[in-house]
């Protein structure tokens, strides 16, 4: 069975049948356009697929809709974890580059009260290399960035500029509502020791040397051997 979900709606399909999010049953082999609802004619099939959807929701969905699952970090089989801006939470005056999180980046990081956070769950205690993918004008170079999680913290000075232009804007006759992008480059913050467990990964600035700290596309954490 293949389950599909979007905005709280779930459908399921088998090689022959599909039960849509509204409970309509379709025979895909005979009716690929899904024009006829067979739920009343095939109640046993519809009931089996409804039960499968219910079991899937029970296993996959959080018990409390407000209880969002954290992002897993530090599995030995997958030592590098990318935490995009689209999955982070901006605080203070920080804004996204577009209304929709996907493919957006953080900007307007202008005060030491601002912060960026990700809800993470560290699987393996140990040393991690922290990297940010950023853009920063020459005049803004020099801010000190602090990364913290639980009782662990580290700081580094952003001493390398990267001020690329927006990609695609020149060729658009109508401005996009989606986010434009840039050539974000990696900056190595250094090494940090992380304990296992769930917590809030936080980026903030200890001082700001220019107009803003940086524009940030993503943070990566790499578990070291």
N, C-alpha and C. Protein backbone atom coordinates (compact mmCIF):
# COMPACT_ATOMS: atom_id res chain seq x y z
N UNK A 1 0.84 -1.20 0.00
CA UNK A 1 0.00 0.00 0.00
C UNK A 1 0.87 1.25 0.00
N UNK A 2 0.43 2.26 -0.74
CA UNK A 2 1.13 3.54 -0.79
C UNK A 2 0.20 4.59 -0.20
N UNK A 3 0.69 5.28 0.84
CA UNK A 3 -0.10 6.31 1.51
C UNK A 3 0.40 7.68 1.06
N UNK A 4 -0.53 8.58 0.84
CA UNK A 4 -0.19 9.97 0.49
C UNK A 4 -0.90 10.89 1.47
N UNK A 5 -0.19 11.93 1.93
CA UNK A 5 -0.80 12.85 2.88
C UNK A 5 -0.41 14.27 2.55
N UNK A 6 -1.34 15.18 2.75
CA UNK A 6 -1.10 16.61 2.56
C UNK A 6 -2.15 17.36 3.34
N UNK A 7 -1.70 18.30 4.17
CA UNK A 7 -2.60 19.17 4.92
C UNK A 7 -3.61 18.38 5.74
N UNK A 8 -3.16 17.26 6.33
CA UNK A 8 -4.01 16.47 7.18
C UNK A 8 -4.90 15.47 6.47
N UNK A 9 -4.87 15.47 5.14
CA UNK A 9 -5.68 14.54 4.36
C UNK A 9 -4.81 13.35 3.96
N UNK A 10 -5.40 12.13 4.01
CA UNK A 10 -4.66 10.91 3.71
C UNK A 10 -5.44 10.07 2.70
N UNK A 11 -4.74 9.58 1.68
CA UNK A 11 -5.30 8.62 0.75
C UNK A 11 -4.38 7.41 0.70
N UNK A 12 -4.91 6.28 0.19
CA UNK A 12 -4.10 5.07 0.09
C UNK A 12 -4.45 4.37 -1.21
N UNK A 13 -3.45 3.73 -1.79
CA UNK A 13 -3.70 2.97 -3.01
C UNK A 13 -2.98 1.63 -2.95
N UNK A 14 -3.60 0.67 -3.63
CA UNK A 14 -3.00 -0.64 -3.85
C UNK A 14 -2.76 -0.75 -5.35
N UNK A 15 -2.22 -1.86 -5.85
CA UNK A 15 -2.07 -1.98 -7.30
C UNK A 15 -3.39 -1.83 -8.08
N UNK A 16 -4.53 -2.09 -7.41
CA UNK A 16 -5.81 -2.01 -8.13
C UNK A 16 -6.69 -0.85 -7.67
N UNK A 17 -6.72 -0.58 -6.37
CA UNK A 17 -7.70 0.37 -5.84
C UNK A 17 -7.02 1.59 -5.22
N UNK A 18 -7.82 2.69 -5.18
CA UNK A 18 -7.41 3.88 -4.44
C UNK A 18 -8.58 4.39 -3.63
N UNK A 19 -8.32 4.61 -2.34
CA UNK A 19 -9.31 5.23 -1.46
C UNK A 19 -8.85 6.66 -1.23
N UNK A 20 -9.66 7.65 -1.71
CA UNK A 20 -9.20 9.03 -1.59
C UNK A 20 -9.49 9.57 -0.19
N UNK A 21 -9.06 10.80 0.06
CA UNK A 21 -9.18 11.39 1.40
C UNK A 21 -10.63 11.61 1.80
N UNK A 22 -11.54 11.63 0.82
CA UNK A 22 -12.95 11.80 1.13
C UNK A 22 -13.69 10.50 1.32
N UNK A 23 -13.00 9.35 1.17
CA UNK A 23 -13.62 8.06 1.36
C UNK A 23 -14.14 7.41 0.10
N UNK A 24 -13.93 8.04 -1.06
CA UNK A 24 -14.37 7.45 -2.33
C UNK A 24 -13.37 6.37 -2.76
N UNK A 25 -13.91 5.26 -3.27
CA UNK A 25 -13.09 4.12 -3.70
C UNK A 25 -13.11 4.04 -5.23
N UNK A 26 -11.94 3.89 -5.83
CA UNK A 26 -11.83 3.83 -7.28
C UNK A 26 -11.03 2.60 -7.70
N UNK A 27 -11.46 1.97 -8.78
CA UNK A 27 -10.74 0.85 -9.38
C UNK A 27 -9.81 1.43 -10.45
N UNK A 28 -8.53 1.53 -10.14
CA UNK A 28 -7.59 2.19 -11.04
C UNK A 28 -7.36 1.39 -12.31
N UNK A 29 -7.52 0.08 -12.26
CA UNK A 29 -7.27 -0.74 -13.45
C UNK A 29 -8.37 -0.53 -14.50
N UNK A 30 -9.59 -0.29 -14.04
CA UNK A 30 -10.72 -0.12 -14.97
C UNK A 30 -11.13 1.35 -15.14
N UNK A 31 -10.78 2.16 -14.17
CA UNK A 31 -11.22 3.55 -14.19
C UNK A 31 -10.05 4.45 -13.77
N UNK A 32 -9.02 4.57 -14.63
CA UNK A 32 -7.84 5.36 -14.25
C UNK A 32 -8.15 6.84 -14.02
N UNK A 33 -9.23 7.31 -14.60
CA UNK A 33 -9.61 8.70 -14.37
C UNK A 33 -10.34 8.92 -13.06
N UNK A 34 -10.63 7.84 -12.34
CA UNK A 34 -11.27 7.89 -11.03
C UNK A 34 -12.58 8.69 -11.07
N UNK A 35 -13.45 8.24 -11.97
CA UNK A 35 -14.73 8.92 -12.17
C UNK A 35 -15.88 8.29 -11.41
N UNK A 36 -15.73 7.03 -10.96
CA UNK A 36 -16.83 6.31 -10.33
C UNK A 36 -16.43 5.85 -8.94
N UNK A 37 -17.27 6.17 -7.96
CA UNK A 37 -17.05 5.78 -6.57
C UNK A 37 -17.66 4.40 -6.35
N UNK A 38 -16.82 3.44 -5.97
CA UNK A 38 -17.26 2.06 -5.78
C UNK A 38 -17.38 1.67 -4.30
N UNK A 39 -17.35 2.64 -3.40
CA UNK A 39 -17.36 2.32 -1.97
C UNK A 39 -18.62 1.55 -1.57
N UNK A 40 -19.76 1.92 -2.14
CA UNK A 40 -21.00 1.23 -1.79
C UNK A 40 -21.07 -0.15 -2.42
N UNK A 41 -20.47 -0.33 -3.60
CA UNK A 41 -20.52 -1.61 -4.29
C UNK A 41 -19.50 -2.60 -3.73
N UNK A 42 -18.39 -2.08 -3.20
CA UNK A 42 -17.33 -2.95 -2.67
C UNK A 42 -17.04 -2.55 -1.22
N UNK A 43 -18.00 -2.78 -0.32
CA UNK A 43 -17.81 -2.32 1.06
C UNK A 43 -16.64 -2.99 1.77
N UNK A 44 -16.36 -4.26 1.45
CA UNK A 44 -15.25 -4.93 2.13
C UNK A 44 -13.92 -4.30 1.77
N UNK A 45 -13.74 -3.96 0.48
CA UNK A 45 -12.50 -3.31 0.05
C UNK A 45 -12.37 -1.93 0.68
N UNK A 46 -13.46 -1.17 0.65
CA UNK A 46 -13.44 0.17 1.23
C UNK A 46 -13.13 0.12 2.72
N UNK A 47 -13.76 -0.85 3.43
CA UNK A 47 -13.53 -0.98 4.86
C UNK A 47 -12.07 -1.36 5.15
N UNK A 48 -11.49 -2.25 4.36
CA UNK A 48 -10.09 -2.66 4.57
C UNK A 48 -9.14 -1.47 4.37
N UNK A 49 -9.41 -0.65 3.37
CA UNK A 49 -8.53 0.48 3.13
C UNK A 49 -8.74 1.59 4.16
N UNK A 50 -9.98 1.76 4.63
CA UNK A 50 -10.21 2.74 5.71
C UNK A 50 -9.48 2.32 6.98
N UNK A 51 -9.49 1.04 7.27
CA UNK A 51 -8.78 0.54 8.45
C UNK A 51 -7.26 0.72 8.29
N UNK A 52 -6.78 0.54 7.07
CA UNK A 52 -5.35 0.73 6.82
C UNK A 52 -4.96 2.18 7.03
N UNK A 53 -5.81 3.12 6.57
CA UNK A 53 -5.54 4.55 6.77
C UNK A 53 -5.53 4.88 8.26
N UNK A 54 -6.50 4.35 8.99
CA UNK A 54 -6.57 4.61 10.43
C UNK A 54 -5.33 4.10 11.15
N UNK A 55 -4.88 2.90 10.77
CA UNK A 55 -3.67 2.33 11.39
C UNK A 55 -2.45 3.15 11.04
N UNK A 56 -2.38 3.62 9.79
CA UNK A 56 -1.24 4.45 9.36
C UNK A 56 -1.20 5.75 10.15
N UNK A 57 -2.35 6.40 10.31
CA UNK A 57 -2.41 7.64 11.08
C UNK A 57 -1.97 7.40 12.52
N UNK A 58 -2.41 6.29 13.09
CA UNK A 58 -2.06 5.99 14.49
C UNK A 58 -0.55 5.80 14.64
N UNK A 59 0.08 5.20 13.64
CA UNK A 59 1.50 4.93 13.74
C UNK A 59 2.36 6.14 13.40
N UNK A 60 1.95 6.91 12.42
CA UNK A 60 2.80 7.97 11.88
C UNK A 60 2.50 9.33 12.47
N UNK A 61 1.24 9.66 12.65
CA UNK A 61 0.86 10.99 13.09
C UNK A 61 1.10 11.16 14.58
N UNK A 62 1.46 12.36 15.04
CA UNK A 62 1.63 12.59 16.48
C UNK A 62 0.30 12.49 17.20
N UNK A 63 0.34 12.02 18.45
CA UNK A 63 -0.89 11.90 19.23
C UNK A 63 -1.52 13.28 19.46
N UNK A 64 -0.68 14.24 19.71
CA UNK A 64 -1.12 15.62 19.89
C UNK A 64 -0.71 16.41 18.65
N UNK A 65 -1.67 16.98 17.90
CA UNK A 65 -1.30 17.71 16.68
C UNK A 65 -0.29 18.83 16.90
N UNK A 66 -0.21 19.35 18.13
CA UNK A 66 0.75 20.41 18.41
C UNK A 66 2.14 19.86 18.73
N UNK A 67 2.25 18.54 18.86
CA UNK A 67 3.52 17.91 19.20
C UNK A 67 4.26 17.52 17.92
N UNK A 68 5.05 18.45 17.41
CA UNK A 68 5.78 18.21 16.17
C UNK A 68 7.02 17.37 16.45
N UNK A 69 7.30 16.46 15.55
CA UNK A 69 8.47 15.61 15.72
C UNK A 69 9.74 16.41 15.46
N UNK A 70 10.79 16.19 16.24
CA UNK A 70 12.06 16.91 16.04
C UNK A 70 12.80 16.37 14.84
N UNK A 71 13.82 17.12 14.41
CA UNK A 71 14.66 16.68 13.31
C UNK A 71 15.77 15.79 13.86
N UNK A 72 15.93 14.58 13.33
CA UNK A 72 16.96 13.67 13.84
C UNK A 72 18.35 14.13 13.44
N UNK A 73 19.27 14.05 14.37
CA UNK A 73 20.66 14.47 14.16
C UNK A 73 21.59 13.38 14.66
N UNK A 74 22.66 13.11 13.94
CA UNK A 74 23.75 12.31 14.48
C UNK A 74 23.57 10.82 14.48
N UNK A 75 22.93 10.27 13.47
CA UNK A 75 22.92 8.81 13.35
C UNK A 75 24.21 8.37 12.66
N UNK A 76 24.81 7.31 13.17
CA UNK A 76 26.08 6.85 12.61
C UNK A 76 25.95 6.52 11.12
N UNK A 77 24.78 5.98 10.72
CA UNK A 77 24.59 5.62 9.32
C UNK A 77 24.40 6.85 8.43
N UNK A 78 24.06 8.00 9.01
CA UNK A 78 23.84 9.24 8.29
C UNK A 78 24.43 10.38 9.11
N UNK A 79 25.76 10.52 9.12
CA UNK A 79 26.40 11.44 10.06
C UNK A 79 26.13 12.92 9.77
N UNK A 80 25.79 13.27 8.53
CA UNK A 80 25.56 14.69 8.20
C UNK A 80 24.07 14.98 8.18
N UNK A 81 23.68 16.00 8.93
CA UNK A 81 22.29 16.44 8.95
C UNK A 81 22.22 17.89 8.49
N UNK A 82 21.35 18.16 7.50
CA UNK A 82 21.13 19.53 7.04
C UNK A 82 19.84 20.06 7.65
N UNK A 83 19.92 21.25 8.22
CA UNK A 83 18.78 21.93 8.81
C UNK A 83 18.51 23.19 8.00
N UNK A 84 17.62 23.12 7.01
CA UNK A 84 17.37 24.29 6.16
C UNK A 84 16.64 25.40 6.91
N UNK A 85 16.78 26.61 6.41
CA UNK A 85 16.05 27.74 6.99
C UNK A 85 14.55 27.49 6.93
N UNK A 86 14.10 26.82 5.88
CA UNK A 86 12.67 26.55 5.73
C UNK A 86 12.09 25.73 6.85
N UNK A 87 12.93 24.96 7.55
CA UNK A 87 12.47 24.13 8.67
C UNK A 87 12.78 24.75 10.02
N UNK A 88 13.44 25.91 10.02
CA UNK A 88 13.75 26.58 11.26
C UNK A 88 12.66 27.58 11.66
N UNK A 89 12.83 28.17 12.83
CA UNK A 89 11.86 29.15 13.33
C UNK A 89 12.59 30.47 13.57
N UNK A 90 12.16 31.56 12.92
CA UNK A 90 12.79 32.86 13.17
C UNK A 90 12.17 33.54 14.39
N UNK A 91 13.00 34.23 15.16
CA UNK A 91 12.53 34.95 16.33
C UNK A 91 13.02 36.39 16.26
N UNK A 92 12.30 37.28 16.93
CA UNK A 92 12.67 38.69 16.91
C UNK A 92 12.33 39.29 15.55
N UNK A 93 13.28 40.02 14.99
CA UNK A 93 13.04 40.69 13.71
C UNK A 93 13.42 39.88 12.49
N UNK A 94 13.92 38.65 12.69
CA UNK A 94 14.35 37.83 11.56
C UNK A 94 13.13 37.48 10.70
N UNK A 95 13.31 37.54 9.38
CA UNK A 95 12.22 37.22 8.46
C UNK A 95 12.69 36.20 7.44
N UNK A 96 11.74 35.57 6.80
CA UNK A 96 12.05 34.70 5.66
C UNK A 96 12.12 35.54 4.40
N UNK A 97 12.84 35.04 3.41
CA UNK A 97 12.97 35.77 2.14
C UNK A 97 11.70 35.72 1.32
N UNK A 98 10.76 34.85 1.67
CA UNK A 98 9.49 34.75 0.97
C UNK A 98 8.42 34.27 1.94
N UNK A 99 7.19 34.40 1.52
CA UNK A 99 6.06 34.03 2.36
C UNK A 99 6.06 32.54 2.65
N UNK A 100 6.46 31.71 1.69
CA UNK A 100 6.44 30.27 1.84
C UNK A 100 7.82 29.77 2.27
N UNK A 101 7.89 28.89 3.28
CA UNK A 101 9.20 28.46 3.80
C UNK A 101 10.08 27.73 2.78
N UNK A 102 9.47 26.89 1.92
CA UNK A 102 10.29 26.07 1.02
C UNK A 102 11.19 26.96 0.16
N UNK A 103 12.47 26.60 0.13
CA UNK A 103 13.48 27.30 -0.67
C UNK A 103 13.72 28.74 -0.22
N UNK A 104 13.25 29.10 0.95
CA UNK A 104 13.50 30.45 1.45
C UNK A 104 14.76 30.46 2.32
N UNK A 105 15.19 31.65 2.66
CA UNK A 105 16.33 31.79 3.57
C UNK A 105 16.00 32.88 4.58
N UNK A 106 16.77 32.91 5.68
CA UNK A 106 16.55 33.90 6.72
C UNK A 106 17.29 35.19 6.39
N UNK A 107 16.63 36.31 6.64
CA UNK A 107 17.24 37.62 6.42
C UNK A 107 16.76 38.58 7.52
N UNK A 108 17.24 39.83 7.49
CA UNK A 108 16.90 40.84 8.50
C UNK A 108 17.30 40.39 9.91
N UNK A 109 18.45 39.75 10.02
CA UNK A 109 19.01 39.37 11.32
C UNK A 109 19.86 40.54 11.78
N UNK A 110 19.28 41.44 12.57
CA UNK A 110 19.91 42.74 12.81
C UNK A 110 20.21 43.06 14.26
N UNK A 111 19.72 42.27 15.22
CA UNK A 111 19.95 42.59 16.63
C UNK A 111 20.44 41.36 17.39
N UNK A 112 21.03 41.60 18.55
CA UNK A 112 21.51 40.50 19.38
C UNK A 112 20.35 39.80 20.10
N UNK A 113 19.15 40.35 20.03
CA UNK A 113 17.97 39.68 20.59
C UNK A 113 17.37 38.70 19.60
N UNK A 114 17.70 38.84 18.33
CA UNK A 114 17.19 37.92 17.31
C UNK A 114 17.82 36.55 17.49
N UNK A 115 17.08 35.51 17.07
CA UNK A 115 17.66 34.17 17.09
C UNK A 115 16.95 33.28 16.08
N UNK A 116 17.61 32.19 15.71
CA UNK A 116 17.08 31.19 14.80
C UNK A 116 17.13 29.86 15.52
N UNK A 117 16.05 29.07 15.45
CA UNK A 117 16.02 27.82 16.20
C UNK A 117 15.51 26.66 15.36
N UNK A 118 15.97 25.45 15.73
CA UNK A 118 15.50 24.20 15.15
C UNK A 118 15.27 23.21 16.29
N UNK A 119 14.17 22.49 16.25
CA UNK A 119 13.86 21.45 17.22
C UNK A 119 14.55 20.17 16.75
N UNK A 120 15.56 19.70 17.49
CA UNK A 120 16.36 18.56 17.04
C UNK A 120 16.41 17.48 18.12
N UNK A 121 16.74 16.28 17.69
CA UNK A 121 16.93 15.15 18.59
C UNK A 121 18.25 14.49 18.23
N UNK A 122 19.24 14.64 19.10
CA UNK A 122 20.58 14.11 18.85
C UNK A 122 20.61 12.63 19.23
N UNK A 123 20.92 11.79 18.26
CA UNK A 123 20.92 10.34 18.49
C UNK A 123 22.22 9.86 19.13
N UNK A 124 23.34 10.49 18.79
CA UNK A 124 24.64 10.02 19.25
C UNK A 124 25.41 11.16 19.91
N UNK A 125 25.79 10.99 21.16
CA UNK A 125 26.62 11.99 21.82
C UNK A 125 28.01 11.97 21.20
N UNK A 126 28.60 13.14 21.04
CA UNK A 126 29.94 13.18 20.47
C UNK A 126 30.28 14.54 19.90
N UNK A 127 31.37 14.58 19.13
CA UNK A 127 31.84 15.81 18.51
C UNK A 127 31.17 16.00 17.15
N UNK A 128 30.74 17.23 16.89
CA UNK A 128 30.08 17.58 15.64
C UNK A 128 30.77 18.80 15.03
N UNK A 129 30.84 18.80 13.70
CA UNK A 129 31.29 19.98 12.98
C UNK A 129 30.06 20.78 12.56
N UNK A 130 30.03 22.04 12.93
CA UNK A 130 28.90 22.91 12.60
C UNK A 130 29.28 23.83 11.45
N UNK A 131 28.42 23.90 10.47
CA UNK A 131 28.65 24.73 9.28
C UNK A 131 27.38 25.50 8.96
N UNK A 132 27.54 26.77 8.55
CA UNK A 132 26.40 27.55 8.09
C UNK A 132 26.59 27.87 6.61
N UNK A 133 25.50 27.88 5.87
CA UNK A 133 25.51 28.30 4.47
C UNK A 133 24.92 29.70 4.43
N UNK A 134 25.72 30.68 4.00
CA UNK A 134 25.42 32.08 4.27
C UNK A 134 25.71 32.98 3.09
N UNK A 135 25.20 34.20 3.20
CA UNK A 135 25.59 35.33 2.35
C UNK A 135 25.82 36.51 3.28
N UNK A 136 26.86 37.30 2.99
CA UNK A 136 27.21 38.42 3.87
C UNK A 136 28.00 39.46 3.08
N UNK A 137 27.51 40.70 3.09
CA UNK A 137 28.20 41.78 2.40
C UNK A 137 29.53 42.09 3.09
N UNK A 138 30.45 42.67 2.34
CA UNK A 138 31.77 43.02 2.89
C UNK A 138 31.62 43.93 4.10
N UNK A 139 30.70 44.88 4.03
CA UNK A 139 30.53 45.84 5.13
C UNK A 139 29.96 45.20 6.38
N UNK A 140 29.38 44.00 6.26
CA UNK A 140 28.76 43.35 7.42
C UNK A 140 29.65 42.29 8.06
N UNK A 141 30.82 42.03 7.50
CA UNK A 141 31.70 41.00 8.03
C UNK A 141 32.18 41.36 9.43
N UNK A 142 32.27 40.36 10.31
CA UNK A 142 32.84 40.60 11.63
C UNK A 142 31.93 40.28 12.80
N UNK A 143 30.69 39.88 12.55
CA UNK A 143 29.79 39.55 13.66
C UNK A 143 30.21 38.23 14.31
N UNK A 144 29.97 38.12 15.61
CA UNK A 144 30.26 36.88 16.34
C UNK A 144 28.98 36.07 16.47
N UNK A 145 29.04 34.83 16.02
CA UNK A 145 27.86 33.96 15.99
C UNK A 145 28.01 32.90 17.07
N UNK A 146 26.96 32.72 17.84
CA UNK A 146 26.94 31.71 18.89
C UNK A 146 25.96 30.61 18.53
N UNK A 147 26.41 29.37 18.60
CA UNK A 147 25.54 28.21 18.40
C UNK A 147 25.44 27.47 19.72
N UNK A 148 24.21 27.09 20.11
CA UNK A 148 24.04 26.40 21.39
C UNK A 148 22.97 25.33 21.26
N UNK A 149 23.12 24.29 22.09
CA UNK A 149 22.14 23.22 22.20
C UNK A 149 22.31 22.58 23.56
N UNK A 150 21.28 22.67 24.39
CA UNK A 150 21.40 22.16 25.75
C UNK A 150 22.51 22.91 26.49
N UNK A 151 23.42 22.17 27.10
CA UNK A 151 24.52 22.79 27.81
C UNK A 151 25.74 23.05 26.96
N UNK A 152 25.67 22.76 25.66
CA UNK A 152 26.82 22.95 24.77
C UNK A 152 26.68 24.26 24.00
N UNK A 153 27.79 24.93 23.83
CA UNK A 153 27.78 26.18 23.08
C UNK A 153 29.14 26.44 22.47
N UNK A 154 29.16 27.22 21.43
CA UNK A 154 30.40 27.60 20.75
C UNK A 154 30.16 28.94 20.08
N UNK A 155 31.24 29.63 19.73
CA UNK A 155 31.12 30.92 19.05
C UNK A 155 32.23 31.04 18.01
N UNK A 156 31.94 31.78 16.95
CA UNK A 156 32.91 32.01 15.89
C UNK A 156 32.63 33.37 15.27
N UNK A 157 33.68 34.00 14.77
CA UNK A 157 33.56 35.29 14.09
C UNK A 157 33.44 35.05 12.59
N UNK A 158 32.40 35.60 11.99
CA UNK A 158 32.22 35.49 10.55
C UNK A 158 33.17 36.48 9.88
N UNK A 159 34.29 35.97 9.37
CA UNK A 159 35.34 36.86 8.86
C UNK A 159 35.54 36.76 7.35
N UNK A 160 34.60 36.14 6.66
CA UNK A 160 34.72 35.98 5.21
C UNK A 160 33.46 36.49 4.53
N UNK A 161 33.57 37.45 3.61
CA UNK A 161 32.39 37.94 2.91
C UNK A 161 31.93 36.97 1.83
N UNK A 162 30.65 37.03 1.53
CA UNK A 162 30.07 36.31 0.40
C UNK A 162 28.81 37.07 0.01
N UNK A 163 28.91 37.88 -1.03
CA UNK A 163 27.83 38.79 -1.38
C UNK A 163 27.36 38.55 -2.81
N UNK A 164 26.73 37.38 -3.08
CA UNK A 164 26.31 37.05 -4.44
C UNK A 164 24.99 37.74 -4.80
N UNK A 165 24.73 37.92 -6.10
CA UNK A 165 23.45 38.50 -6.52
C UNK A 165 22.34 37.47 -6.43
N UNK A 166 21.10 37.95 -6.45
CA UNK A 166 19.96 37.05 -6.52
C UNK A 166 19.93 36.39 -7.89
N UNK A 167 19.59 35.11 -7.91
CA UNK A 167 19.56 34.36 -9.16
C UNK A 167 18.16 34.42 -9.75
N UNK A 168 18.05 34.78 -11.04
CA UNK A 168 16.78 34.68 -11.75
C UNK A 168 15.99 35.95 -11.86
N UNK A 169 16.25 36.94 -11.01
CA UNK A 169 15.41 38.14 -11.01
C UNK A 169 15.50 38.89 -12.34
N UNK A 170 16.70 38.96 -12.92
CA UNK A 170 16.88 39.74 -14.15
C UNK A 170 16.06 39.19 -15.31
N UNK A 171 15.79 37.88 -15.31
CA UNK A 171 15.07 37.28 -16.42
C UNK A 171 13.57 37.23 -16.24
N UNK A 172 13.06 37.67 -15.10
CA UNK A 172 11.62 37.61 -14.83
C UNK A 172 10.93 38.90 -15.27
N UNK A 173 9.91 38.78 -16.09
CA UNK A 173 9.13 39.95 -16.47
C UNK A 173 8.16 40.35 -15.37
N UNK A 174 7.73 39.38 -14.56
CA UNK A 174 6.85 39.63 -13.43
C UNK A 174 7.55 39.14 -12.17
N UNK A 175 7.71 39.97 -11.15
CA UNK A 175 8.39 39.53 -9.92
C UNK A 175 7.71 38.31 -9.32
N UNK A 176 8.49 37.39 -8.85
CA UNK A 176 7.95 36.18 -8.24
C UNK A 176 7.46 36.46 -6.82
N UNK A 177 6.48 35.65 -6.38
CA UNK A 177 6.13 35.64 -4.98
C UNK A 177 6.98 34.61 -4.24
N UNK A 178 7.43 33.57 -4.96
CA UNK A 178 8.35 32.60 -4.37
C UNK A 178 9.71 33.27 -4.16
N UNK A 179 10.53 32.62 -3.34
CA UNK A 179 11.82 33.20 -3.01
C UNK A 179 12.81 33.04 -4.15
N UNK A 180 13.52 34.12 -4.43
CA UNK A 180 14.72 34.01 -5.25
C UNK A 180 15.81 33.38 -4.39
N UNK A 181 16.89 32.96 -5.01
CA UNK A 181 17.95 32.33 -4.24
C UNK A 181 19.28 33.01 -4.54
N UNK A 182 20.31 32.57 -3.87
CA UNK A 182 21.66 33.10 -4.02
C UNK A 182 22.65 31.95 -3.99
N UNK A 183 23.89 32.25 -4.29
CA UNK A 183 24.96 31.26 -4.18
C UNK A 183 25.48 31.28 -2.75
N UNK A 184 24.74 30.62 -1.86
CA UNK A 184 25.15 30.54 -0.46
C UNK A 184 26.36 29.62 -0.35
N UNK A 185 27.31 30.02 0.45
CA UNK A 185 28.54 29.24 0.60
C UNK A 185 28.73 28.80 2.04
N UNK A 186 29.47 27.70 2.24
CA UNK A 186 29.64 27.19 3.62
C UNK A 186 30.68 27.99 4.40
N UNK A 187 30.40 28.18 5.67
CA UNK A 187 31.36 28.76 6.61
C UNK A 187 31.45 27.84 7.81
N UNK A 188 32.65 27.39 8.12
CA UNK A 188 32.89 26.44 9.20
C UNK A 188 32.90 27.17 10.54
N UNK A 189 31.89 26.89 11.38
CA UNK A 189 31.86 27.50 12.70
C UNK A 189 32.83 26.83 13.66
N UNK A 190 33.12 25.53 13.42
CA UNK A 190 34.03 24.80 14.28
C UNK A 190 33.40 23.55 14.86
N UNK A 191 33.98 23.05 15.95
CA UNK A 191 33.54 21.80 16.56
C UNK A 191 32.77 22.07 17.85
N UNK A 192 31.76 21.23 18.10
CA UNK A 192 30.97 21.35 19.31
C UNK A 192 30.64 19.95 19.82
N UNK A 193 30.72 19.75 21.13
CA UNK A 193 30.34 18.48 21.75
C UNK A 193 28.86 18.53 22.11
N UNK A 194 28.11 17.55 21.60
CA UNK A 194 26.67 17.51 21.85
C UNK A 194 26.31 16.25 22.63
N UNK A 195 25.42 16.41 23.60
CA UNK A 195 24.88 15.28 24.34
C UNK A 195 23.70 14.70 23.57
N UNK A 196 23.40 13.43 23.80
CA UNK A 196 22.24 12.82 23.16
C UNK A 196 20.96 13.36 23.79
N UNK A 197 19.92 13.45 22.97
CA UNK A 197 18.63 13.90 23.47
C UNK A 197 18.05 15.04 22.66
N UNK A 198 16.84 15.41 23.02
CA UNK A 198 16.09 16.43 22.29
C UNK A 198 16.34 17.80 22.88
N UNK A 199 16.40 18.80 22.00
CA UNK A 199 16.60 20.17 22.46
C UNK A 199 16.44 21.16 21.33
N UNK A 200 16.64 22.42 21.66
CA UNK A 200 16.48 23.50 20.70
C UNK A 200 17.85 24.01 20.27
N UNK A 201 18.20 23.74 19.02
CA UNK A 201 19.44 24.27 18.47
C UNK A 201 19.21 25.75 18.16
N UNK A 202 20.10 26.60 18.67
CA UNK A 202 19.89 28.04 18.57
C UNK A 202 21.11 28.74 17.99
N UNK A 203 20.86 29.65 17.05
CA UNK A 203 21.87 30.55 16.54
C UNK A 203 21.49 31.96 16.95
N UNK A 204 22.44 32.69 17.51
CA UNK A 204 22.23 34.10 17.82
C UNK A 204 23.56 34.83 17.63
N UNK A 205 23.53 36.14 17.63
CA UNK A 205 24.74 36.95 17.46
C UNK A 205 25.11 37.59 18.80
N UNK A 206 26.39 37.50 19.15
CA UNK A 206 26.87 38.16 20.36
C UNK A 206 27.19 39.62 20.11
N UNK A 207 27.58 39.94 18.89
CA UNK A 207 27.76 41.32 18.47
C UNK A 207 27.50 41.41 16.97
N UNK A 208 27.15 42.57 16.50
CA UNK A 208 26.84 42.78 15.08
C UNK A 208 27.70 43.93 14.58
N UNK A 209 28.52 43.64 13.59
CA UNK A 209 29.50 44.63 13.15
C UNK A 209 28.99 45.54 12.04
N UNK A 210 27.89 45.17 11.41
CA UNK A 210 27.39 45.97 10.30
C UNK A 210 25.87 46.10 10.34
N UNK A 211 25.26 46.11 9.16
CA UNK A 211 23.82 46.29 9.04
C UNK A 211 23.06 45.05 9.51
N UNK A 212 23.58 43.86 9.18
CA UNK A 212 22.97 42.62 9.64
C UNK A 212 24.04 41.56 9.79
N UNK A 213 23.70 40.48 10.50
CA UNK A 213 24.68 39.43 10.77
C UNK A 213 25.05 38.70 9.48
N UNK A 214 24.02 38.16 8.83
CA UNK A 214 24.19 37.40 7.59
C UNK A 214 22.81 37.06 7.07
N UNK A 215 22.75 36.53 5.88
CA UNK A 215 21.57 35.84 5.40
C UNK A 215 21.90 34.35 5.42
N UNK A 216 20.98 33.55 5.93
CA UNK A 216 21.30 32.14 6.20
C UNK A 216 20.36 31.21 5.47
N UNK A 217 20.95 30.26 4.75
CA UNK A 217 20.16 29.26 4.02
C UNK A 217 20.00 27.97 4.81
N UNK A 218 21.04 27.55 5.53
CA UNK A 218 20.98 26.27 6.23
C UNK A 218 22.11 26.16 7.24
N UNK A 219 21.92 25.24 8.18
CA UNK A 219 22.97 24.82 9.12
C UNK A 219 23.17 23.31 8.91
N UNK A 220 24.42 22.87 8.94
CA UNK A 220 24.66 21.44 8.90
C UNK A 220 25.45 21.04 10.14
N UNK A 221 25.12 19.85 10.66
CA UNK A 221 25.85 19.23 11.77
C UNK A 221 26.36 17.89 11.30
N UNK A 222 27.66 17.66 11.43
CA UNK A 222 28.27 16.41 10.98
C UNK A 222 28.90 15.71 12.16
N UNK A 223 28.42 14.50 12.44
CA UNK A 223 28.98 13.68 13.51
C UNK A 223 30.35 13.18 13.07
N UNK A 224 31.36 13.43 13.91
CA UNK A 224 32.71 13.01 13.58
C UNK A 224 33.01 11.61 14.13
N UNK A 225 33.90 10.88 13.48
CA UNK A 225 34.24 9.52 13.97
C UNK A 225 34.83 9.56 15.38
